[in-house]
Amino acid sequence: HYFIQSNLRIMLGIEFRVPQMDFEGQKLAEILQYAILAVFGIAGFIWGYIAESFQETFYVVSVGSLLASLVVLPPWPMFRKHSLPFQPAAPKTEKKAAVQTKGKSSKKRN
């Protein structure tokens, strides 16, 4: 993923940025996916029962799966309405690491 982006930036001089879904968008996408698959599953079962063909059921459910994929997988703008504000980067401060010794304790055991 990063390798492709960096090569496109070098070769074409294009800044390539993939928009990300927010949490509310993921929730909406999940609900839409389940709803589309349920509607097409029930419709496919009914149509296959009427046509007396499992192949017809498979076709209807396959179309539903394809439609659900087209609706849910791309990060459409409706899935990016509630972006989270990020905090500004904290200034870098130098911290000295505490030196720990792995020696034996000074107390003697009897």
PDB file of N, CA and C in Angstrom:
ATOM      1  N   HIS A   1       0.833  -1.195   0.000  1.00  0.00           N
ATOM      2  CA  HIS A   1       0.000   0.000   0.000  1.00  0.00           C
ATOM      3  C   HIS A   1       0.875   1.256   0.000  1.00  0.00           C
ATOM      4  N   TYR A   2       1.758   1.360   0.965  1.00  0.00           N
ATOM      5  CA  TYR A   2       2.624   2.529   1.044  1.00  0.00           C
ATOM      6  C   TYR A   2       3.614   2.549  -0.117  1.00  0.00           C
ATOM      7  N   PHE A   3       4.089   1.372  -0.529  1.00  0.00           N
ATOM      8  CA  PHE A   3       5.038   1.272  -1.622  1.00  0.00           C
ATOM      9  C   PHE A   3       4.443   1.803  -2.918  1.00  0.00           C
ATOM     10  N   ILE A   4       3.202   1.468  -3.198  1.00  0.00           N
ATOM     11  CA  ILE A   4       2.523   1.941  -4.406  1.00  0.00           C
ATOM     12  C   ILE A   4       2.340   3.453  -4.352  1.00  0.00           C
ATOM     13  N   GLN A   5       1.922   3.965  -3.190  1.00  0.00           N
ATOM     14  CA  GLN A   5       1.731   5.405  -3.059  1.00  0.00           C
ATOM     15  C   GLN A   5       3.032   6.157  -3.272  1.00  0.00           C
ATOM     16  N   SER A   6       4.123   5.676  -2.693  1.00  0.00           N
ATOM     17  CA  SER A   6       5.389   6.394  -2.829  1.00  0.00           C
ATOM     18  C   SER A   6       5.900   6.328  -4.263  1.00  0.00           C
ATOM     19  N   ASN A   7       5.692   5.209  -4.955  1.00  0.00           N
ATOM     20  CA  ASN A   7       6.123   5.118  -6.347  1.00  0.00           C
ATOM     21  C   ASN A   7       5.301   6.035  -7.242  1.00  0.00           C
ATOM     22  N   LEU A   8       3.995   6.135  -7.013  1.00  0.00           N
ATOM     23  CA  LEU A   8       3.174   7.058  -7.800  1.00  0.00           C
ATOM     24  C   LEU A   8       3.603   8.499  -7.563  1.00  0.00           C
ATOM     25  N   ARG A   9       3.941   8.820  -6.325  1.00  0.00           N
ATOM     26  CA  ARG A   9       4.376  10.175  -6.003  1.00  0.00           C
ATOM     27  C   ARG A   9       5.686  10.485  -6.720  1.00  0.00           C
ATOM     28  N   ILE A  10       6.592   9.539  -6.770  1.00  0.00           N
ATOM     29  CA  ILE A  10       7.887   9.758  -7.414  1.00  0.00           C
ATOM     30  C   ILE A  10       7.740   9.827  -8.939  1.00  0.00           C
ATOM     31  N   MET A  11       7.005   8.872  -9.525  1.00  0.00           N
ATOM     32  CA  MET A  11       6.918   8.793 -10.975  1.00  0.00           C
ATOM     33  C   MET A  11       6.041   9.896 -11.578  1.00  0.00           C
ATOM     34  N   LEU A  12       4.895  10.147 -10.979  1.00  0.00           N
ATOM     35  CA  LEU A  12       3.944  11.068 -11.575  1.00  0.00           C
ATOM     36  C   LEU A  12       3.890  12.426 -10.898  1.00  0.00           C
ATOM     37  N   GLY A  13       4.470  12.538  -9.739  1.00  0.00           N
ATOM     38  CA  GLY A  13       4.405  13.788  -9.003  1.00  0.00           C
ATOM     39  C   GLY A  13       3.019  14.061  -8.450  1.00  0.00           C
ATOM     40  N   ILE A  14       2.254  13.003  -8.231  1.00  0.00           N
ATOM     41  CA  ILE A  14       0.881  13.133  -7.738  1.00  0.00           C
ATOM     42  C   ILE A  14       0.831  12.711  -6.282  1.00  0.00           C
ATOM     43  N   GLU A  15       0.195  13.524  -5.459  1.00  0.00           N
ATOM     44  CA  GLU A  15      -0.022  13.150  -4.051  1.00  0.00           C
ATOM     45  C   GLU A  15      -1.259  12.265  -4.017  1.00  0.00           C
ATOM     46  N   PHE A  16      -1.083  11.026  -3.621  1.00  0.00           N
ATOM     47  CA  PHE A  16      -2.158  10.042  -3.630  1.00  0.00           C
ATOM     48  C   PHE A  16      -2.624   9.802  -2.206  1.00  0.00           C
ATOM     49  N   ARG A  17      -3.875  10.145  -1.925  1.00  0.00           N
ATOM     50  CA  ARG A  17      -4.405   9.986  -0.572  1.00  0.00           C
ATOM     51  C   ARG A  17      -5.761   9.296  -0.645  1.00  0.00           C
ATOM     52  N   VAL A  18      -5.890   8.186   0.071  1.00  0.00           N
ATOM     53  CA  VAL A  18      -7.150   7.454   0.102  1.00  0.00           C
ATOM     54  C   VAL A  18      -7.953   7.945   1.292  1.00  0.00           C
ATOM     55  N   PRO A  19      -9.177   8.446   1.073  1.00  0.00           N
ATOM     56  CA  PRO A  19      -9.985   8.896   2.203  1.00  0.00           C
ATOM     57  C   PRO A  19     -10.403   7.707   3.073  1.00  0.00           C
ATOM     58  N   GLN A  20     -10.518   7.959   4.357  1.00  0.00           N
ATOM     59  CA  GLN A  20     -10.838   6.903   5.308  1.00  0.00           C
ATOM     60  C   GLN A  20     -12.264   7.073   5.832  1.00  0.00           C
ATOM     61  N   MET A  21     -12.914   5.944   6.115  1.00  0.00           N
ATOM     62  CA  MET A  21     -14.231   5.969   6.742  1.00  0.00           C
ATOM     63  C   MET A  21     -14.083   6.290   8.214  1.00  0.00           C
ATOM     64  N   ASP A  22     -15.048   7.006   8.761  1.00  0.00           N
ATOM     65  CA  ASP A  22     -15.036   7.247  10.194  1.00  0.00           C
ATOM     66  C   ASP A  22     -15.851   6.155  10.891  1.00  0.00           C
ATOM     67  N   PHE A  23     -15.919   6.228  12.224  1.00  0.00           N
ATOM     68  CA  PHE A  23     -16.604   5.175  12.984  1.00  0.00           C
ATOM     69  C   PHE A  23     -18.095   5.119  12.685  1.00  0.00           C
ATOM     70  N   GLU A  24     -18.718   6.281  12.578  1.00  0.00           N
ATOM     71  CA  GLU A  24     -20.146   6.312  12.255  1.00  0.00           C
ATOM     72  C   GLU A  24     -20.382   5.775  10.844  1.00  0.00           C
ATOM     73  N   GLY A  25     -19.468   6.071   9.937  1.00  0.00           N
ATOM     74  CA  GLY A  25     -19.568   5.549   8.575  1.00  0.00           C
ATOM     75  C   GLY A  25     -19.434   4.039   8.529  1.00  0.00           C
ATOM     76  N   GLN A  26     -18.560   3.490   9.361  1.00  0.00           N
ATOM     77  CA  GLN A  26     -18.422   2.034   9.426  1.00  0.00           C
ATOM     78  C   GLN A  26     -19.690   1.395   9.952  1.00  0.00           C
ATOM     79  N   LYS A  27     -20.307   2.034  10.926  1.00  0.00           N
ATOM     80  CA  LYS A  27     -21.565   1.519  11.485  1.00  0.00           C
ATOM     81  C   LYS A  27     -22.658   1.544  10.421  1.00  0.00           C
ATOM     82  N   LEU A  28     -22.759   2.659   9.689  1.00  0.00           N
ATOM     83  CA  LEU A  28     -23.751   2.778   8.623  1.00  0.00           C
ATOM     84  C   LEU A  28     -23.493   1.759   7.516  1.00  0.00           C
ATOM     85  N   ALA A  29     -22.230   1.562   7.145  1.00  0.00           N
ATOM     86  CA  ALA A  29     -21.882   0.598   6.098  1.00  0.00           C
ATOM     87  C   ALA A  29     -22.263  -0.822   6.518  1.00  0.00           C
ATOM     88  N   GLU A  30     -22.038  -1.143   7.776  1.00  0.00           N
ATOM     89  CA  GLU A  30     -22.392  -2.482   8.261  1.00  0.00           C
ATOM     90  C   GLU A  30     -23.899  -2.691   8.225  1.00  0.00           C
ATOM     91  N   ILE A  31     -24.667  -1.692   8.651  1.00  0.00           N
ATOM     92  CA  ILE A  31     -26.125  -1.799   8.633  1.00  0.00           C
ATOM     93  C   ILE A  31     -26.631  -1.935   7.205  1.00  0.00           C
ATOM     94  N   LEU A  32     -26.078  -1.119   6.288  1.00  0.00           N
ATOM     95  CA  LEU A  32     -26.490  -1.207   4.886  1.00  0.00           C
ATOM     96  C   LEU A  32     -26.148  -2.570   4.282  1.00  0.00           C
ATOM     97  N   GLN A  33     -24.979  -3.084   4.613  1.00  0.00           N
ATOM     98  CA  GLN A  33     -24.582  -4.387   4.085  1.00  0.00           C
ATOM     99  C   GLN A  33     -25.555  -5.476   4.532  1.00  0.00           C
ATOM    100  N   TYR A  34     -25.850  -5.508   5.821  1.00  0.00           N
ATOM    101  CA  TYR A  34     -26.778  -6.523   6.323  1.00  0.00           C
ATOM    102  C   TYR A  34     -28.170  -6.357   5.729  1.00  0.00           C
ATOM    103  N   ALA A  35     -28.635  -5.125   5.588  1.00  0.00           N
ATOM    104  CA  ALA A  35     -29.963  -4.880   5.034  1.00  0.00           C
ATOM    105  C   ALA A  35     -30.045  -5.324   3.575  1.00  0.00           C
ATOM    106  N   ILE A  36     -29.052  -4.945   2.774  1.00  0.00           N
ATOM    107  CA  ILE A  36     -29.062  -5.325   1.351  1.00  0.00           C
ATOM    108  C   ILE A  36     -28.996  -6.839   1.195  1.00  0.00           C
ATOM    109  N   LEU A  37     -28.107  -7.488   1.944  1.00  0.00           N
ATOM    110  CA  LEU A  37     -27.986  -8.940   1.844  1.00  0.00           C
ATOM    111  C   LEU A  37     -29.249  -9.651   2.324  1.00  0.00           C
ATOM    112  N   ALA A  38     -29.895  -9.123   3.363  1.00  0.00           N
ATOM    113  CA  ALA A  38     -31.135  -9.744   3.854  1.00  0.00           C
ATOM    114  C   ALA A  38     -32.260  -9.602   2.838  1.00  0.00           C
ATOM    115  N   VAL A  39     -32.410  -8.412   2.271  1.00  0.00           N
ATOM    116  CA  VAL A  39     -33.485  -8.192   1.290  1.00  0.00           C
ATOM    117  C   VAL A  39     -33.278  -9.074   0.064  1.00  0.00           C
ATOM    118  N   PHE A  40     -32.067  -9.115  -0.464  1.00  0.00           N
ATOM    119  CA  PHE A  40     -31.815  -9.934  -1.645  1.00  0.00           C
ATOM    120  C   PHE A  40     -31.842 -11.428  -1.312  1.00  0.00           C
ATOM    121  N   GLY A  41     -31.474 -11.799  -0.104  1.00  0.00           N
ATOM    122  CA  GLY A  41     -31.568 -13.202   0.290  1.00  0.00           C
ATOM    123  C   GLY A  41     -33.006 -13.677   0.370  1.00  0.00           C
ATOM    124  N   ILE A  42     -33.853 -12.865   0.987  1.00  0.00           N
ATOM    125  CA  ILE A  42     -35.276 -13.228   1.080  1.00  0.00           C
ATOM    126  C   ILE A  42     -35.920 -13.213  -0.302  1.00  0.00           C
ATOM    127  N   ALA A  43     -35.627 -12.169  -1.098  1.00  0.00           N
ATOM    128  CA  ALA A  43     -36.185 -12.088  -2.450  1.00  0.00           C
ATOM    129  C   ALA A  43     -35.698 -13.255  -3.310  1.00  0.00           C
ATOM    130  N   GLY A  44     -34.424 -13.611  -3.161  1.00  0.00           N
ATOM    131  CA  GLY A  44     -33.894 -14.734  -3.926  1.00  0.00           C
ATOM    132  C   GLY A  44     -34.532 -16.049  -3.536  1.00  0.00           C
ATOM    133  N   PHE A  45     -34.768 -16.223  -2.232  1.00  0.00           N
ATOM    134  CA  PHE A  45     -35.428 -17.450  -1.779  1.00  0.00           C
ATOM    135  C   PHE A  45     -36.844 -17.539  -2.343  1.00  0.00           C
ATOM    136  N   ILE A  46     -37.566 -16.429  -2.269  1.00  0.00           N
ATOM    137  CA  ILE A  46     -38.947 -16.424  -2.778  1.00  0.00           C
ATOM    138  C   ILE A  46     -38.960 -16.653  -4.289  1.00  0.00           C
ATOM    139  N   TRP A  47     -38.091 -15.948  -5.013  1.00  0.00           N
ATOM    140  CA  TRP A  47     -38.050 -16.110  -6.469  1.00  0.00           C
ATOM    141  C   TRP A  47     -37.620 -17.536  -6.853  1.00  0.00           C
ATOM    142  N   GLY A  48     -36.647 -18.085  -6.150  1.00  0.00           N
ATOM    143  CA  GLY A  48     -36.215 -19.447  -6.429  1.00  0.00           C
ATOM    144  C   GLY A  48     -37.294 -20.467  -6.121  1.00  0.00           C
ATOM    145  N   TYR A  49     -38.082 -20.210  -5.078  1.00  0.00           N
ATOM    146  CA  TYR A  49     -39.183 -21.114  -4.726  1.00  0.00           C
ATOM    147  C   TYR A  49     -40.267 -21.080  -5.799  1.00  0.00           C
ATOM    148  N   ILE A  50     -40.580 -19.872  -6.277  1.00  0.00           N
ATOM    149  CA  ILE A  50     -41.606 -19.737  -7.324  1.00  0.00           C
ATOM    150  C   ILE A  50     -41.111 -20.361  -8.628  1.00  0.00           C
ATOM    151  N   ALA A  51     -39.851 -20.107  -8.987  1.00  0.00           N
ATOM    152  CA  ALA A  51     -39.296 -20.633 -10.235  1.00  0.00           C
ATOM    153  C   ALA A  51     -38.858 -22.091 -10.106  1.00  0.00           C
ATOM    154  N   GLU A  52     -38.855 -22.600  -8.875  1.00  0.00           N
ATOM    155  CA  GLU A  52     -38.416 -23.960  -8.576  1.00  0.00           C
ATOM    156  C   GLU A  52     -37.005 -24.211  -9.114  1.00  0.00           C
ATOM    157  N   SER A  53     -36.110 -23.232  -8.826  1.00  0.00           N
ATOM    158  CA  SER A  53     -34.743 -23.331  -9.313  1.00  0.00           C
ATOM    159  C   SER A  53     -33.791 -22.706  -8.295  1.00  0.00           C
ATOM    160  N   PHE A  54     -32.870 -23.537  -7.821  1.00  0.00           N
ATOM    161  CA  PHE A  54     -31.856 -23.005  -6.905  1.00  0.00           C
ATOM    162  C   PHE A  54     -30.919 -22.066  -7.643  1.00  0.00           C
ATOM    163  N   GLN A  55     -30.738 -22.292  -8.935  1.00  0.00           N
ATOM    164  CA  GLN A  55     -29.869 -21.439  -9.736  1.00  0.00           C
ATOM    165  C   GLN A  55     -30.396 -20.000  -9.770  1.00  0.00           C
ATOM    166  N   GLU A  56     -31.692 -19.818  -9.856  1.00  0.00           N
ATOM    167  CA  GLU A  56     -32.297 -18.480  -9.828  1.00  0.00           C
ATOM    168  C   GLU A  56     -32.061 -17.813  -8.470  1.00  0.00           C
ATOM    169  N   THR A  57     -32.178 -18.593  -7.397  1.00  0.00           N
ATOM    170  CA  THR A  57     -31.894 -18.072  -6.063  1.00  0.00           C
ATOM    171  C   THR A  57     -30.451 -17.592  -5.980  1.00  0.00           C
ATOM    172  N   PHE A  58     -29.553 -18.392  -6.500  1.00  0.00           N
ATOM    173  CA  PHE A  58     -28.129 -18.041  -6.484  1.00  0.00           C
ATOM    174  C   PHE A  58     -27.878 -16.746  -7.258  1.00  0.00           C
ATOM    175  N   TYR A  59     -28.516 -16.588  -8.411  1.00  0.00           N
ATOM    176  CA  TYR A  59     -28.331 -15.370  -9.204  1.00  0.00           C
ATOM    177  C   TYR A  59     -28.801 -14.127  -8.449  1.00  0.00           C
ATOM    178  N   VAL A  60     -29.961 -14.208  -7.827  1.00  0.00           N
ATOM    179  CA  VAL A  60     -30.500 -13.051  -7.109  1.00  0.00           C
ATOM    180  C   VAL A  60     -29.605 -12.703  -5.922  1.00  0.00           C
ATOM    181  N   VAL A  61     -29.170 -13.695  -5.166  1.00  0.00           N
ATOM    182  CA  VAL A  61     -28.293 -13.441  -4.021  1.00  0.00           C
ATOM    183  C   VAL A  61     -26.930 -12.921  -4.483  1.00  0.00           C
ATOM    184  N   SER A  62     -26.437 -13.400  -5.618  1.00  0.00           N
ATOM    185  CA  SER A  62     -25.163 -12.909  -6.161  1.00  0.00           C
ATOM    186  C   SER A  62     -25.261 -11.442  -6.566  1.00  0.00           C
ATOM    187  N   VAL A  63     -26.371 -11.061  -7.180  1.00  0.00           N
ATOM    188  CA  VAL A  63     -26.577  -9.650  -7.542  1.00  0.00           C
ATOM    189  C   VAL A  63     -26.628  -8.800  -6.271  1.00  0.00           C
ATOM    190  N   GLY A  64     -27.275  -9.302  -5.222  1.00  0.00           N
ATOM    191  CA  GLY A  64     -27.322  -8.591  -3.950  1.00  0.00           C
ATOM    192  C   GLY A  64     -25.949  -8.433  -3.335  1.00  0.00           C
ATOM    193  N   SER A  65     -25.126  -9.471  -3.421  1.00  0.00           N
ATOM    194  CA  SER A  65     -23.761  -9.390  -2.886  1.00  0.00           C
ATOM    195  C   SER A  65     -22.931  -8.380  -3.665  1.00  0.00           C
ATOM    196  N   LEU A  66     -23.083  -8.368  -4.980  1.00  0.00           N
ATOM    197  CA  LEU A  66     -22.354  -7.399  -5.800  1.00  0.00           C
ATOM    198  C   LEU A  66     -22.808  -5.977  -5.493  1.00  0.00           C
ATOM    199  N   LEU A  67     -24.109  -5.776  -5.364  1.00  0.00           N
ATOM    200  CA  LEU A  67     -24.631  -4.450  -5.036  1.00  0.00           C
ATOM    201  C   LEU A  67     -24.153  -4.002  -3.655  1.00  0.00           C
ATOM    202  N   ALA A  68     -24.184  -4.896  -2.686  1.00  0.00           N
ATOM    203  CA  ALA A  68     -23.713  -4.551  -1.338  1.00  0.00           C
ATOM    204  C   ALA A  68     -22.236  -4.175  -1.359  1.00  0.00           C
ATOM    205  N   SER A  69     -21.449  -4.877  -2.145  1.00  0.00           N
ATOM    206  CA  SER A  69     -20.028  -4.553  -2.253  1.00  0.00           C
ATOM    207  C   SER A  69     -19.814  -3.177  -2.871  1.00  0.00           C
ATOM    208  N   LEU A  70     -20.577  -2.855  -3.905  1.00  0.00           N
ATOM    209  CA  LEU A  70     -20.439  -1.554  -4.550  1.00  0.00           C
ATOM    210  C   LEU A  70     -20.889  -0.411  -3.646  1.00  0.00           C
ATOM    211  N   VAL A  71     -21.859  -0.671  -2.782  1.00  0.00           N
ATOM    212  CA  VAL A  71     -22.361   0.370  -1.886  1.00  0.00           C
ATOM    213  C   VAL A  71     -21.454   0.540  -0.671  1.00  0.00           C
ATOM    214  N   VAL A  72     -20.924  -0.547  -0.143  1.00  0.00           N
ATOM    215  CA  VAL A  72     -20.246  -0.512   1.152  1.00  0.00           C
ATOM    216  C   VAL A  72     -18.725  -0.359   1.056  1.00  0.00           C
ATOM    217  N   LEU A  73     -18.083  -0.976   0.090  1.00  0.00           N
ATOM    218  CA  LEU A  73     -16.620  -0.996   0.072  1.00  0.00           C
ATOM    219  C   LEU A  73     -15.954   0.344  -0.228  1.00  0.00           C
ATOM    220  N   PRO A  74     -16.364   1.102  -1.234  1.00  0.00           N
ATOM    221  CA  PRO A  74     -15.674   2.395  -1.436  1.00  0.00           C
ATOM    222  C   PRO A  74     -15.997   3.372  -0.309  1.00  0.00           C
ATOM    223  N   PRO A  75     -15.051   4.220   0.041  1.00  0.00           N
ATOM    224  CA  PRO A  75     -15.320   5.202   1.107  1.00  0.00           C
ATOM    225  C   PRO A  75     -16.109   6.404   0.561  1.00  0.00           C
ATOM    226  N   TRP A  76     -17.396   6.198   0.311  1.00  0.00           N
ATOM    227  CA  TRP A  76     -18.256   7.251  -0.214  1.00  0.00           C
ATOM    228  C   TRP A  76     -18.329   8.410   0.780  1.00  0.00           C
ATOM    229  N   PRO A  77     -18.644   9.625   0.312  1.00  0.00           N
ATOM    230  CA  PRO A  77     -18.732  10.776   1.230  1.00  0.00           C
ATOM    231  C   PRO A  77     -19.754  10.593   2.356  1.00  0.00           C
ATOM    232  N   MET A  78     -20.785   9.793   2.123  1.00  0.00           N
ATOM    233  CA  MET A  78     -21.783   9.586   3.187  1.00  0.00           C
ATOM    234  C   MET A  78     -21.195   8.808   4.366  1.00  0.00           C
ATOM    235  N   PHE A  79     -20.072   8.130   4.155  1.00  0.00           N
ATOM    236  CA  PHE A  79     -19.415   7.392   5.225  1.00  0.00           C
ATOM    237  C   PHE A  79     -18.332   8.217   5.920  1.00  0.00           C
ATOM    238  N   ARG A  80     -18.122   9.455   5.483  1.00  0.00           N
ATOM    239  CA  ARG A  80     -17.045  10.291   6.028  1.00  0.00           C
ATOM    240  C   ARG A  80     -17.556  11.609   6.593  1.00  0.00           C
ATOM    241  N   LYS A  81     -18.772  11.639   7.079  1.00  0.00           N
ATOM    242  CA  LYS A  81     -19.358  12.890   7.571  1.00  0.00           C
ATOM    243  C   LYS A  81     -18.919  13.256   8.978  1.00  0.00           C
ATOM    244  N   HIS A  82     -18.513  12.302   9.787  1.00  0.00           N
ATOM    245  CA  HIS A  82     -18.214  12.547  11.204  1.00  0.00           C
ATOM    246  C   HIS A  82     -16.735  12.291  11.491  1.00  0.00           C
ATOM    247  N   SER A  83     -15.858  13.038  10.864  1.00  0.00           N
ATOM    248  CA  SER A  83     -14.429  12.799  11.089  1.00  0.00           C
ATOM    249  C   SER A  83     -14.028  13.245  12.492  1.00  0.00           C
ATOM    250  N   LEU A  84     -13.048  12.559  13.036  1.00  0.00           N
ATOM    251  CA  LEU A  84     -12.575  12.856  14.382  1.00  0.00           C
ATOM    252  C   LEU A  84     -11.502  13.936  14.320  1.00  0.00           C
ATOM    253  N   PRO A  85     -11.592  14.946  15.184  1.00  0.00           N
ATOM    254  CA  PRO A  85     -10.520  15.946  15.210  1.00  0.00           C
ATOM    255  C   PRO A  85      -9.304  15.363  15.936  1.00  0.00           C
ATOM    256  N   PHE A  86      -8.156  15.522  15.337  1.00  0.00           N
ATOM    257  CA  PHE A  86      -6.934  15.038  15.961  1.00  0.00           C
ATOM    258  C   PHE A  86      -6.312  16.157  16.785  1.00  0.00           C
ATOM    259  N   GLN A  87      -5.663  15.776  17.864  1.00  0.00           N
ATOM    260  CA  GLN A  87      -4.978  16.759  18.699  1.00  0.00           C
ATOM    261  C   GLN A  87      -3.681  17.159  18.010  1.00  0.00           C
ATOM    262  N   PRO A  88      -3.234  18.380  18.226  1.00  0.00           N
ATOM    263  CA  PRO A  88      -1.952  18.778  17.630  1.00  0.00           C
ATOM    264  C   PRO A  88      -0.809  17.969  18.247  1.00  0.00           C
ATOM    265  N   ALA A  89       0.239  17.827  17.490  1.00  0.00           N
ATOM    266  CA  ALA A  89       1.387  17.054  17.965  1.00  0.00           C
ATOM    267  C   ALA A  89       2.027  17.744  19.159  1.00  0.00           C
ATOM    268  N   ALA A  90       2.399  16.962  20.129  1.00  0.00           N
ATOM    269  CA  ALA A  90       3.051  17.504  21.326  1.00  0.00           C
ATOM    270  C   ALA A  90       4.490  17.871  20.980  1.00  0.00           C
ATOM    271  N   PRO A  91       5.014  18.936  21.574  1.00  0.00           N
ATOM    272  CA  PRO A  91       6.409  19.291  21.298  1.00  0.00           C
ATOM    273  C   PRO A  91       7.345  18.220  21.855  1.00  0.00           C
ATOM    274  N   LYS A  92       8.420  17.998  21.144  1.00  0.00           N
ATOM    275  CA  LYS A  92       9.368  16.972  21.571  1.00  0.00           C
ATOM    276  C   LYS A  92      10.222  17.506  22.711  1.00  0.00           C
ATOM    277  N   THR A  93      10.312  16.729  23.762  1.00  0.00           N
ATOM    278  CA  THR A  93      11.174  17.075  24.893  1.00  0.00           C
ATOM    279  C   THR A  93      12.149  15.940  25.101  1.00  0.00           C
ATOM    280  N   GLU A  94      13.339  16.318  25.496  1.00  0.00           N
ATOM    281  CA  GLU A  94      14.360  15.301  25.729  1.00  0.00           C
ATOM    282  C   GLU A  94      14.203  14.748  27.137  1.00  0.00           C
ATOM    283  N   LYS A  95      14.069  13.469  27.194  1.00  0.00           N
ATOM    284  CA  LYS A  95      13.979  12.803  28.491  1.00  0.00           C
ATOM    285  C   LYS A  95      15.159  11.864  28.618  1.00  0.00           C
ATOM    286  N   LYS A  96      15.803  11.961  29.757  1.00  0.00           N
ATOM    287  CA  LYS A  96      16.917  11.059  29.999  1.00  0.00           C
ATOM    288  C   LYS A  96      16.370   9.768  30.581  1.00  0.00           C
ATOM    289  N   ALA A  97      16.773   8.692  29.970  1.00  0.00           N
ATOM    290  CA  ALA A  97      16.318   7.394  30.432  1.00  0.00           C
ATOM    291  C   ALA A  97      16.999   7.050  31.749  1.00  0.00           C
ATOM    292  N   ALA A  98      16.235   6.530  32.654  1.00  0.00           N
ATOM    293  CA  ALA A  98      16.794   6.127  33.945  1.00  0.00           C
ATOM    294  C   ALA A  98      17.652   4.881  33.730  1.00  0.00           C
ATOM    295  N   VAL A  99      18.808   4.915  34.303  1.00  0.00           N
ATOM    296  CA  VAL A  99      19.722   3.795  34.155  1.00  0.00           C
ATOM    297  C   VAL A  99      19.393   2.780  35.236  1.00  0.00           C
ATOM    298  N   GLN A 100      19.162   1.564  34.816  1.00  0.00           N
ATOM    299  CA  GLN A 100      18.846   0.509  35.764  1.00  0.00           C
ATOM    300  C   GLN A 100      19.985  -0.489  35.746  1.00  0.00           C
ATOM    301  N   THR A 101      20.360  -0.937  36.920  1.00  0.00           N
ATOM    302  CA  THR A 101      21.422  -1.933  37.016  1.00  0.00           C
ATOM    303  C   THR A 101      20.801  -3.278  37.332  1.00  0.00           C
ATOM    304  N   LYS A 102      21.426  -4.295  36.806  1.00  0.00           N
ATOM    305  CA  LYS A 102      20.925  -5.641  37.030  1.00  0.00           C
ATOM    306  C   LYS A 102      21.772  -6.381  38.056  1.00  0.00           C
ATOM    307  N   GLY A 103      22.496  -5.645  38.856  1.00  0.00           N
ATOM    308  CA  GLY A 103      23.368  -6.258  39.861  1.00  0.00           C
ATOM    309  C   GLY A 103      22.574  -6.806  41.030  1.00  0.00           C
ATOM    310  N   LYS A 104      23.301  -7.519  41.901  1.00  0.00           N
ATOM    311  CA  LYS A 104      22.654  -8.075  43.084  1.00  0.00           C
ATOM    312  C   LYS A 104      22.455  -6.975  44.111  1.00  0.00           C
ATOM    313  N   SER A 105      21.511  -7.179  44.961  1.00  0.00           N
ATOM    314  CA  SER A 105      21.253  -6.186  46.008  1.00  0.00           C
ATOM    315  C   SER A 105      22.384  -6.226  47.037  1.00  0.00           C
ATOM    316  N   SER A 106      22.504  -5.160  47.787  1.00  0.00           N
ATOM    317  CA  SER A 106      23.594  -5.063  48.762  1.00  0.00           C
ATOM    318  C   SER A 106      23.324  -5.883  50.019  1.00  0.00           C
ATOM    319  N   LYS A 107      22.111  -6.313  50.214  1.00  0.00           N
ATOM    320  CA  LYS A 107      21.800  -7.122  51.411  1.00  0.00           C
ATOM    321  C   LYS A 107      22.274  -8.548  51.198  1.00  0.00           C
ATOM    322  N   LYS A 108      22.818  -9.089  52.249  1.00  0.00           N
ATOM    323  CA  LYS A 108      23.272 -10.461  52.201  1.00  0.00           C
ATOM    324  C   LYS A 108      22.187 -11.352  52.811  1.00  0.00           C
ATOM    325  N   ARG A 109      22.011 -12.468  52.171  1.00  0.00           N
ATOM    326  CA  ARG A 109      21.013 -13.417  52.669  1.00  0.00           C
ATOM    327  C   ARG A 109      21.724 -14.511  53.453  1.00  0.00           C
ATOM    328  N   ASN A 110      21.074 -14.933  54.506  1.00  0.00           N
ATOM    329  CA  ASN A 110      21.650 -16.005  55.327  1.00  0.00           C
ATOM    330  C   ASN A 110      21.095 -17.333  54.986  1.00  0.00           C
TER     331      ASN A 110
END
